[in-house]
Each structure stands twice: as structure tokens, then as C-alpha cells.
PDB file of N, CA and C in Angstrom:
ATOM      1  N   MET A   1      49.400   1.381 -19.402  1.00  0.00           N
ATOM      2  CA  MET A   1      50.280   0.311 -19.763  1.00  0.00           C
ATOM      3  C   MET A   1      50.749   0.565 -21.205  1.00  0.00           C
ATOM      4  N   ASN A   2      51.967   0.347 -21.436  1.00  0.00           N
ATOM      5  CA  ASN A   2      52.539   0.467 -22.760  1.00  0.00           C
ATOM      6  C   ASN A   2      51.865  -0.467 -23.738  1.00  0.00           C
ATOM      7  N   ARG A   3      51.631  -0.033 -24.950  1.00  0.00           N
ATOM      8  CA  ARG A   3      50.938  -0.849 -25.956  1.00  0.00           C
ATOM      9  C   ARG A   3      51.668  -2.136 -26.246  1.00  0.00           C
ATOM     10  N   LYS A   4      52.995  -2.101 -26.339  1.00  0.00           N
ATOM     11  CA  LYS A   4      53.782  -3.269 -26.642  1.00  0.00           C
ATOM     12  C   LYS A   4      53.695  -4.289 -25.478  1.00  0.00           C
ATOM     13  N   ILE A   5      53.753  -3.821 -24.260  1.00  0.00           N
ATOM     14  CA  ILE A   5      53.616  -4.693 -23.100  1.00  0.00           C
ATOM     15  C   ILE A   5      52.244  -5.309 -23.040  1.00  0.00           C
ATOM     16  N   LYS A   6      51.220  -4.512 -23.336  1.00  0.00           N
ATOM     17  CA  LYS A   6      49.851  -5.006 -23.345  1.00  0.00           C
ATOM     18  C   LYS A   6      49.676  -6.104 -24.407  1.00  0.00           C
ATOM     19  N   GLU A   7      50.243  -5.894 -25.554  1.00  0.00           N
ATOM     20  CA  GLU A   7      50.171  -6.900 -26.636  1.00  0.00           C
ATOM     21  C   GLU A   7      50.901  -8.186 -26.231  1.00  0.00           C
ATOM     22  N   GLN A   8      52.066  -8.067 -25.586  1.00  0.00           N
ATOM     23  CA  GLN A   8      52.766  -9.247 -25.116  1.00  0.00           C
ATOM     24  C   GLN A   8      51.988  -9.997 -24.059  1.00  0.00           C
ATOM     25  N   CYS A   9      51.317  -9.275 -23.169  1.00  0.00           N
ATOM     26  CA  CYS A   9      50.482  -9.915 -22.151  1.00  0.00           C
ATOM     27  C   CYS A   9      49.351 -10.680 -22.795  1.00  0.00           C
ATOM     28  N   ILE A  10      48.717 -10.116 -23.797  1.00  0.00           N
ATOM     29  CA  ILE A  10      47.608 -10.793 -24.484  1.00  0.00           C
ATOM     30  C   ILE A  10      48.116 -12.081 -25.124  1.00  0.00           C
ATOM     31  N   TRP A  11      49.251 -12.021 -25.806  1.00  0.00           N
ATOM     32  CA  TRP A  11      49.804 -13.237 -26.435  1.00  0.00           C
ATOM     33  C   TRP A  11      50.171 -14.290 -25.393  1.00  0.00           C
ATOM     34  N   PHE A  12      50.672 -13.820 -24.247  1.00  0.00           N
ATOM     35  CA  PHE A  12      50.968 -14.778 -23.146  1.00  0.00           C
ATOM     36  C   PHE A  12      49.709 -15.447 -22.663  1.00  0.00           C
ATOM     37  N   PHE A  13      48.614 -14.696 -22.524  1.00  0.00           N
ATOM     38  CA  PHE A  13      47.350 -15.294 -22.104  1.00  0.00           C
ATOM     39  C   PHE A  13      46.795 -16.256 -23.143  1.00  0.00           C
ATOM     40  N   TYR A  14      46.998 -15.925 -24.437  1.00  0.00           N
ATOM     41  CA  TYR A  14      46.573 -16.869 -25.481  1.00  0.00           C
ATOM     42  C   TYR A  14      47.328 -18.196 -25.347  1.00  0.00           C
ATOM     43  N   ILE A  15      48.615 -18.132 -25.136  1.00  0.00           N
ATOM     44  CA  ILE A  15      49.429 -19.342 -25.051  1.00  0.00           C
ATOM     45  C   ILE A  15      49.039 -20.161 -23.813  1.00  0.00           C
ATOM     46  N   ILE A  16      48.764 -19.484 -22.710  1.00  0.00           N
ATOM     47  CA  ILE A  16      48.299 -20.214 -21.502  1.00  0.00           C
ATOM     48  C   ILE A  16      46.964 -20.864 -21.775  1.00  0.00           C
ATOM     49  N   GLY A  17      46.075 -20.153 -22.446  1.00  0.00           N
ATOM     50  CA  GLY A  17      44.755 -20.704 -22.771  1.00  0.00           C
ATOM     51  C   GLY A  17      44.878 -21.935 -23.678  1.00  0.00           C
ATOM     52  N   ILE A  18      45.685 -21.856 -24.677  1.00  0.00           N
ATOM     53  CA  ILE A  18      45.899 -23.003 -25.560  1.00  0.00           C
ATOM     54  C   ILE A  18      46.500 -24.195 -24.817  1.00  0.00           C
ATOM     55  N   PHE A  19      47.404 -23.887 -23.884  1.00  0.00           N
ATOM     56  CA  PHE A  19      48.029 -24.952 -23.091  1.00  0.00           C
ATOM     57  C   PHE A  19      46.983 -25.684 -22.279  1.00  0.00           C
ATOM     58  N   PHE A  20      45.937 -24.987 -21.776  1.00  0.00           N
ATOM     59  CA  PHE A  20      44.912 -25.615 -20.964  1.00  0.00           C
ATOM     60  C   PHE A  20      43.735 -26.154 -21.792  1.00  0.00           C
ATOM     61  N   ILE A  21      43.636 -25.804 -23.055  1.00  0.00           N
ATOM     62  CA  ILE A  21      42.605 -26.380 -23.905  1.00  0.00           C
ATOM     63  C   ILE A  21      43.070 -27.710 -24.528  1.00  0.00           C
ATOM     64  N   ILE A  22      44.367 -27.857 -24.717  1.00  0.00           N
ATOM     65  CA  ILE A  22      44.903 -29.085 -25.356  1.00  0.00           C
ATOM     66  C   ILE A  22      44.510 -30.340 -24.581  1.00  0.00           C
ATOM     67  N   PRO A  23      44.566 -30.399 -23.233  1.00  0.00           N
ATOM     68  CA  PRO A  23      44.125 -31.620 -22.570  1.00  0.00           C
ATOM     69  C   PRO A  23      42.645 -31.943 -22.764  1.00  0.00           C
ATOM     70  N   ILE A  24      41.809 -30.904 -22.897  1.00  0.00           N
ATOM     71  CA  ILE A  24      40.394 -31.136 -23.126  1.00  0.00           C
ATOM     72  C   ILE A  24      40.195 -31.718 -24.518  1.00  0.00           C
ATOM     73  N   ILE A  25      40.853 -31.147 -25.479  1.00  0.00           N
ATOM     74  CA  ILE A  25      40.750 -31.637 -26.876  1.00  0.00           C
ATOM     75  C   ILE A  25      41.255 -33.060 -26.978  1.00  0.00           C
ATOM     76  N   SER A  26      42.389 -33.341 -26.348  1.00  0.00           N
ATOM     77  CA  SER A  26      42.932 -34.698 -26.431  1.00  0.00           C
ATOM     78  C   SER A  26      42.050 -35.714 -25.718  1.00  0.00           C
ATOM     79  N   TYR A  27      41.304 -35.281 -24.715  1.00  0.00           N
ATOM     80  CA  TYR A  27      40.357 -36.159 -24.028  1.00  0.00           C
ATOM     81  C   TYR A  27      39.256 -36.574 -24.989  1.00  0.00           C
ATOM     82  N   TYR A  28      38.689 -35.636 -25.715  1.00  0.00           N
ATOM     83  CA  TYR A  28      37.576 -35.953 -26.622  1.00  0.00           C
ATOM     84  C   TYR A  28      38.027 -36.642 -27.888  1.00  0.00           C
ATOM     85  N   LEU A  29      39.271 -36.433 -28.308  1.00  0.00           N
ATOM     86  CA  LEU A  29      39.763 -37.108 -29.491  1.00  0.00           C
ATOM     87  C   LEU A  29      40.449 -38.428 -29.167  1.00  0.00           C
ATOM     88  N   SER A  30      40.502 -38.776 -27.868  1.00  0.00           N
ATOM     89  CA  SER A  30      41.127 -39.998 -27.385  1.00  0.00           C
ATOM     90  C   SER A  30      42.593 -40.096 -27.783  1.00  0.00           C
ATOM     91  N   LEU A  31      43.284 -38.970 -27.720  1.00  0.00           N
ATOM     92  CA  LEU A  31      44.710 -38.940 -28.003  1.00  0.00           C
ATOM     93  C   LEU A  31      45.505 -39.287 -26.765  1.00  0.00           C
ATOM     94  N   PRO A  32      46.656 -39.829 -26.908  1.00  0.00           N
ATOM     95  CA  PRO A  32      47.509 -40.113 -25.719  1.00  0.00           C
ATOM     96  C   PRO A  32      47.933 -38.791 -25.073  1.00  0.00           C
ATOM     97  N   ASP A  33      48.348 -38.902 -23.810  1.00  0.00           N
ATOM     98  CA  ASP A  33      48.751 -37.721 -23.057  1.00  0.00           C
ATOM     99  C   ASP A  33      49.938 -37.013 -23.740  1.00  0.00           C
ATOM    100  N   ILE A  34      49.804 -35.713 -23.871  1.00  0.00           N
ATOM    101  CA  ILE A  34      50.854 -34.897 -24.454  1.00  0.00           C
ATOM    102  C   ILE A  34      51.761 -34.328 -23.397  1.00  0.00           C
ATOM    103  N   PHE A  35      51.160 -33.921 -22.253  1.00  0.00           N
ATOM    104  CA  PHE A  35      51.919 -33.305 -21.176  1.00  0.00           C
ATOM    105  C   PHE A  35      52.046 -34.290 -20.008  1.00  0.00           C
ATOM    106  N   PRO A  36      53.113 -34.150 -19.230  1.00  0.00           N
ATOM    107  CA  PRO A  36      53.177 -34.939 -18.006  1.00  0.00           C
ATOM    108  C   PRO A  36      52.091 -34.452 -17.063  1.00  0.00           C
ATOM    109  N   LYS A  37      51.493 -35.341 -16.301  1.00  0.00           N
ATOM    110  CA  LYS A  37      50.413 -35.036 -15.395  1.00  0.00           C
ATOM    111  C   LYS A  37      49.217 -34.403 -16.094  1.00  0.00           C
ATOM    112  N   GLN A  38      48.966 -34.845 -17.303  1.00  0.00           N
ATOM    113  CA  GLN A  38      47.877 -34.247 -18.090  1.00  0.00           C
ATOM    114  C   GLN A  38      46.511 -34.481 -17.461  1.00  0.00           C
ATOM    115  N   ALA A  39      46.285 -35.614 -16.845  1.00  0.00           N
ATOM    116  CA  ALA A  39      45.001 -35.852 -16.194  1.00  0.00           C
ATOM    117  C   ALA A  39      44.763 -34.874 -15.052  1.00  0.00           C
ATOM    118  N   TYR A  40      45.785 -34.594 -14.316  1.00  0.00           N
ATOM    119  CA  TYR A  40      45.670 -33.599 -13.233  1.00  0.00           C
ATOM    120  C   TYR A  40      45.344 -32.219 -13.804  1.00  0.00           C
ATOM    121  N   ILE A  41      46.037 -31.824 -14.826  1.00  0.00           N
ATOM    122  CA  ILE A  41      45.800 -30.515 -15.474  1.00  0.00           C
ATOM    123  C   ILE A  41      44.370 -30.500 -16.028  1.00  0.00           C
ATOM    124  N   GLN A  42      43.983 -31.552 -16.654  1.00  0.00           N
ATOM    125  CA  GLN A  42      42.657 -31.654 -17.292  1.00  0.00           C
ATOM    126  C   GLN A  42      41.536 -31.559 -16.269  1.00  0.00           C
ATOM    127  N   VAL A  43      41.638 -32.239 -15.169  1.00  0.00           N
ATOM    128  CA  VAL A  43      40.541 -32.268 -14.213  1.00  0.00           C
ATOM    129  C   VAL A  43      40.524 -31.062 -13.286  1.00  0.00           C
ATOM    130  N   TYR A  44      41.658 -30.715 -12.733  1.00  0.00           N
ATOM    131  CA  TYR A  44      41.678 -29.694 -11.705  1.00  0.00           C
ATOM    132  C   TYR A  44      41.971 -28.261 -12.193  1.00  0.00           C
ATOM    133  N   LEU A  45      42.716 -28.081 -13.235  1.00  0.00           N
ATOM    134  CA  LEU A  45      43.180 -26.779 -13.599  1.00  0.00           C
ATOM    135  C   LEU A  45      42.532 -26.189 -14.863  1.00  0.00           C
ATOM    136  N   SER A  46      42.187 -27.000 -15.817  1.00  0.00           N
ATOM    137  CA  SER A  46      41.726 -26.462 -17.114  1.00  0.00           C
ATOM    138  C   SER A  46      40.476 -25.590 -16.992  1.00  0.00           C
ATOM    139  N   GLY A  47      39.461 -26.075 -16.323  1.00  0.00           N
ATOM    140  CA  GLY A  47      38.215 -25.301 -16.215  1.00  0.00           C
ATOM    141  C   GLY A  47      38.413 -23.978 -15.501  1.00  0.00           C
ATOM    142  N   PRO A  48      38.913 -23.960 -14.265  1.00  0.00           N
ATOM    143  CA  PRO A  48      39.049 -22.675 -13.573  1.00  0.00           C
ATOM    144  C   PRO A  48      39.977 -21.689 -14.239  1.00  0.00           C
ATOM    145  N   ILE A  49      41.098 -22.166 -14.781  1.00  0.00           N
ATOM    146  CA  ILE A  49      42.033 -21.241 -15.410  1.00  0.00           C
ATOM    147  C   ILE A  49      41.443 -20.679 -16.710  1.00  0.00           C
ATOM    148  N   LEU A  50      40.774 -21.480 -17.492  1.00  0.00           N
ATOM    149  CA  LEU A  50      40.154 -20.997 -18.692  1.00  0.00           C
ATOM    150  C   LEU A  50      39.041 -19.994 -18.358  1.00  0.00           C
ATOM    151  N   LEU A  51      38.306 -20.243 -17.302  1.00  0.00           N
ATOM    152  CA  LEU A  51      37.282 -19.317 -16.853  1.00  0.00           C
ATOM    153  C   LEU A  51      37.882 -17.974 -16.474  1.00  0.00           C
ATOM    154  N   ILE A  52      38.945 -17.984 -15.706  1.00  0.00           N
ATOM    155  CA  ILE A  52      39.608 -16.764 -15.285  1.00  0.00           C
ATOM    156  C   ILE A  52      40.231 -16.022 -16.469  1.00  0.00           C
ATOM    157  N   LEU A  53      40.907 -16.755 -17.339  1.00  0.00           N
ATOM    158  CA  LEU A  53      41.474 -16.157 -18.535  1.00  0.00           C
ATOM    159  C   LEU A  53      40.424 -15.518 -19.428  1.00  0.00           C
ATOM    160  N   GLY A  54      39.285 -16.229 -19.602  1.00  0.00           N
ATOM    161  CA  GLY A  54      38.201 -15.713 -20.385  1.00  0.00           C
ATOM    162  C   GLY A  54      37.632 -14.422 -19.838  1.00  0.00           C
ATOM    163  N   LEU A  55      37.421 -14.388 -18.533  1.00  0.00           N
ATOM    164  CA  LEU A  55      36.920 -13.170 -17.902  1.00  0.00           C
ATOM    165  C   LEU A  55      37.908 -12.023 -18.043  1.00  0.00           C
ATOM    166  N   PHE A  56      39.171 -12.351 -17.821  1.00  0.00           N
ATOM    167  CA  PHE A  56      40.223 -11.331 -17.884  1.00  0.00           C
ATOM    168  C   PHE A  56      40.357 -10.754 -19.282  1.00  0.00           C
ATOM    169  N   LEU A  57      40.380 -11.640 -20.315  1.00  0.00           N
ATOM    170  CA  LEU A  57      40.503 -11.151 -21.662  1.00  0.00           C
ATOM    171  C   LEU A  57      39.252 -10.437 -22.120  1.00  0.00           C
ATOM    172  N   PHE A  58      38.089 -10.848 -21.682  1.00  0.00           N
ATOM    173  CA  PHE A  58      36.831 -10.266 -22.124  1.00  0.00           C
ATOM    174  C   PHE A  58      36.663  -8.846 -21.516  1.00  0.00           C
ATOM    175  N   PHE A  59      36.924  -8.696 -20.227  1.00  0.00           N
ATOM    176  CA  PHE A  59      36.648  -7.423 -19.588  1.00  0.00           C
ATOM    177  C   PHE A  59      37.876  -6.507 -19.538  1.00  0.00           C
ATOM    178  N   ASN A  60      39.067  -7.013 -19.256  1.00  0.00           N
ATOM    179  CA  ASN A  60      40.230  -6.164 -19.138  1.00  0.00           C
ATOM    180  C   ASN A  60      40.812  -5.737 -20.478  1.00  0.00           C
ATOM    181  N   TYR A  61      40.968  -6.696 -21.376  1.00  0.00           N
ATOM    182  CA  TYR A  61      41.631  -6.416 -22.637  1.00  0.00           C
ATOM    183  C   TYR A  61      40.687  -6.234 -23.810  1.00  0.00           C
ATOM    184  N   ARG A  62      39.397  -6.364 -23.552  1.00  0.00           N
ATOM    185  CA  ARG A  62      38.377  -6.181 -24.600  1.00  0.00           C
ATOM    186  C   ARG A  62      38.563  -7.084 -25.824  1.00  0.00           C
ATOM    187  N   LYS A  63      39.093  -8.288 -25.550  1.00  0.00           N
ATOM    188  CA  LYS A  63      39.214  -9.321 -26.604  1.00  0.00           C
ATOM    189  C   LYS A  63      37.987 -10.216 -26.458  1.00  0.00           C
ATOM    190  N   LYS A  64      36.886  -9.792 -27.070  1.00  0.00           N
ATOM    191  CA  LYS A  64      35.601 -10.407 -26.822  1.00  0.00           C
ATOM    192  C   LYS A  64      35.511 -11.836 -27.360  1.00  0.00           C
ATOM    193  N   THR A  65      35.965 -12.069 -28.568  1.00  0.00           N
ATOM    194  CA  THR A  65      35.820 -13.407 -29.186  1.00  0.00           C
ATOM    195  C   THR A  65      36.622 -14.473 -28.448  1.00  0.00           C
ATOM    196  N   ILE A  66      37.900 -14.265 -28.312  1.00  0.00           N
ATOM    197  CA  ILE A  66      38.752 -15.293 -27.666  1.00  0.00           C
ATOM    198  C   ILE A  66      38.432 -15.366 -26.187  1.00  0.00           C
ATOM    199  N   GLY A  67      38.090 -14.253 -25.564  1.00  0.00           N
ATOM    200  CA  GLY A  67      37.693 -14.269 -24.169  1.00  0.00           C
ATOM    201  C   GLY A  67      36.447 -15.057 -23.950  1.00  0.00           C
ATOM    202  N   LEU A  68      35.483 -14.907 -24.831  1.00  0.00           N
ATOM    203  CA  LEU A  68      34.226 -15.656 -24.734  1.00  0.00           C
ATOM    204  C   LEU A  68      34.429 -17.125 -24.996  1.00  0.00           C
ATOM    205  N   ILE A  69      35.345 -17.462 -25.936  1.00  0.00           N
ATOM    206  CA  ILE A  69      35.655 -18.877 -26.187  1.00  0.00           C
ATOM    207  C   ILE A  69      36.273 -19.506 -24.945  1.00  0.00           C
ATOM    208  N   PHE A  70      37.253 -18.852 -24.352  1.00  0.00           N
ATOM    209  CA  PHE A  70      37.875 -19.381 -23.124  1.00  0.00           C
ATOM    210  C   PHE A  70      36.852 -19.470 -21.991  1.00  0.00           C
ATOM    211  N   LEU A  71      36.008 -18.468 -21.864  1.00  0.00           N
ATOM    212  CA  LEU A  71      35.019 -18.417 -20.774  1.00  0.00           C
ATOM    213  C   LEU A  71      34.003 -19.571 -20.923  1.00  0.00           C
ATOM    214  N   VAL A  72      33.459 -19.695 -22.108  1.00  0.00           N
ATOM    215  CA  VAL A  72      32.470 -20.747 -22.339  1.00  0.00           C
ATOM    216  C   VAL A  72      33.073 -22.132 -22.193  1.00  0.00           C
ATOM    217  N   THR A  73      34.291 -22.326 -22.714  1.00  0.00           N
ATOM    218  CA  THR A  73      34.970 -23.607 -22.581  1.00  0.00           C
ATOM    219  C   THR A  73      35.253 -23.931 -21.132  1.00  0.00           C
ATOM    220  N   GLY A  74      35.670 -22.973 -20.352  1.00  0.00           N
ATOM    221  CA  GLY A  74      35.941 -23.200 -18.946  1.00  0.00           C
ATOM    222  C   GLY A  74      34.684 -23.560 -18.149  1.00  0.00           C
ATOM    223  N   VAL A  75      33.636 -22.816 -18.350  1.00  0.00           N
ATOM    224  CA  VAL A  75      32.340 -23.111 -17.662  1.00  0.00           C
ATOM    225  C   VAL A  75      31.804 -24.471 -18.090  1.00  0.00           C
ATOM    226  N   TRP A  76      31.855 -24.728 -19.398  1.00  0.00           N
ATOM    227  CA  TRP A  76      31.350 -25.989 -19.925  1.00  0.00           C
ATOM    228  C   TRP A  76      32.155 -27.169 -19.335  1.00  0.00           C
ATOM    229  N   TRP A  77      33.499 -26.998 -19.222  1.00  0.00           N
ATOM    230  CA  TRP A  77      34.345 -28.096 -18.721  1.00  0.00           C
ATOM    231  C   TRP A  77      34.078 -28.308 -17.229  1.00  0.00           C
ATOM    232  N   ILE A  78      33.909 -27.233 -16.462  1.00  0.00           N
ATOM    233  CA  ILE A  78      33.581 -27.371 -15.048  1.00  0.00           C
ATOM    234  C   ILE A  78      32.263 -28.122 -14.866  1.00  0.00           C
ATOM    235  N   PHE A  79      31.228 -27.750 -15.625  1.00  0.00           N
ATOM    236  CA  PHE A  79      29.970 -28.469 -15.538  1.00  0.00           C
ATOM    237  C   PHE A  79      30.096 -29.906 -15.982  1.00  0.00           C
ATOM    238  N   ASN A  80      30.913 -30.167 -16.970  1.00  0.00           N
ATOM    239  CA  ASN A  80      31.137 -31.532 -17.455  1.00  0.00           C
ATOM    240  C   ASN A  80      31.794 -32.385 -16.361  1.00  0.00           C
ATOM    241  N   ILE A  81      32.787 -31.841 -15.670  1.00  0.00           N
ATOM    242  CA  ILE A  81      33.427 -32.583 -14.562  1.00  0.00           C
ATOM    243  C   ILE A  81      32.442 -32.852 -13.440  1.00  0.00           C
ATOM    244  N   ILE A  82      31.630 -31.834 -13.079  1.00  0.00           N
ATOM    245  CA  ILE A  82      30.640 -32.020 -12.029  1.00  0.00           C
ATOM    246  C   ILE A  82      29.602 -33.092 -12.419  1.00  0.00           C
ATOM    247  N   TYR A  83      29.181 -33.025 -13.686  1.00  0.00           N
ATOM    248  CA  TYR A  83      28.223 -34.044 -14.167  1.00  0.00           C
ATOM    249  C   TYR A  83      28.813 -35.457 -14.107  1.00  0.00           C
ATOM    250  N   GLU A  84      30.074 -35.591 -14.510  1.00  0.00           N
ATOM    251  CA  GLU A  84      30.733 -36.903 -14.412  1.00  0.00           C
ATOM    252  C   GLU A  84      30.815 -37.405 -12.970  1.00  0.00           C
ATOM    253  N   LEU A  85      31.116 -36.492 -12.058  1.00  0.00           N
ATOM    254  CA  LEU A  85      31.187 -36.917 -10.645  1.00  0.00           C
ATOM    255  C   LEU A  85      29.842 -37.304 -10.099  1.00  0.00           C
ATOM    256  N   LEU A  86      28.788 -36.629 -10.492  1.00  0.00           N
ATOM    257  CA  LEU A  86      27.470 -36.936  -9.980  1.00  0.00           C
ATOM    258  C   LEU A  86      26.867 -38.211 -10.561  1.00  0.00           C
ATOM    259  N   THR A  87      27.236 -38.510 -11.806  1.00  0.00           N
ATOM    260  CA  THR A  87      26.649 -39.704 -12.432  1.00  0.00           C
ATOM    261  C   THR A  87      27.420 -40.988 -12.182  1.00  0.00           C
ATOM    262  N   LYS A  88      28.630 -40.899 -11.638  1.00  0.00           N
ATOM    263  CA  LYS A  88      29.384 -42.130 -11.370  1.00  0.00           C
ATOM    264  C   LYS A  88      29.388 -42.535  -9.956  1.00  0.00           C
TER     265      LYS A  88
END
């Protein structure tokens, strides 16, 4: 893969990751919804997509720090949702 294309792909993955971290941050900071259907994104999409992005960045692109951040955030968010469902 061309170096420029690889770099553009990495930046695209960063933007996607930030897009899916924003609903989690706004949940904990009690901010109003920024995106339409933010609750749907927050509950159903944020965890799995961050997990996949983290694995992809960590192993494919060797971006260990940001990949690990996305991976840990995704796993933590999935466990948080499961915990909420089990306790309510």
C-alpha cells in the first residue's frame, strides 16, 4: 500500500474513532446530545466499532497507543453497557 494512502486511512480511522468516543464523553459529562440519534450510537455502535478500530490500528497499522486507547475504551464501554443491563 502506498505510504500516502496508508496515512490517509489512519487519519480516517482516527476521525471515526473520535466520532464514536464523543457520545461516551458527553454521557459522562452530562452534555446535551451533539449528534442526531446519539443514544443509539452510544449504546449500540460505540463499543463494537471502537473495539474493531482499536484492534485494526493496533495490529494492522502498528499504532499501538491510539489503538490501545480505542480498544480499551471499546471493551470498557461494552462491559459498562452489560453491567447497566444486568443491574436494572
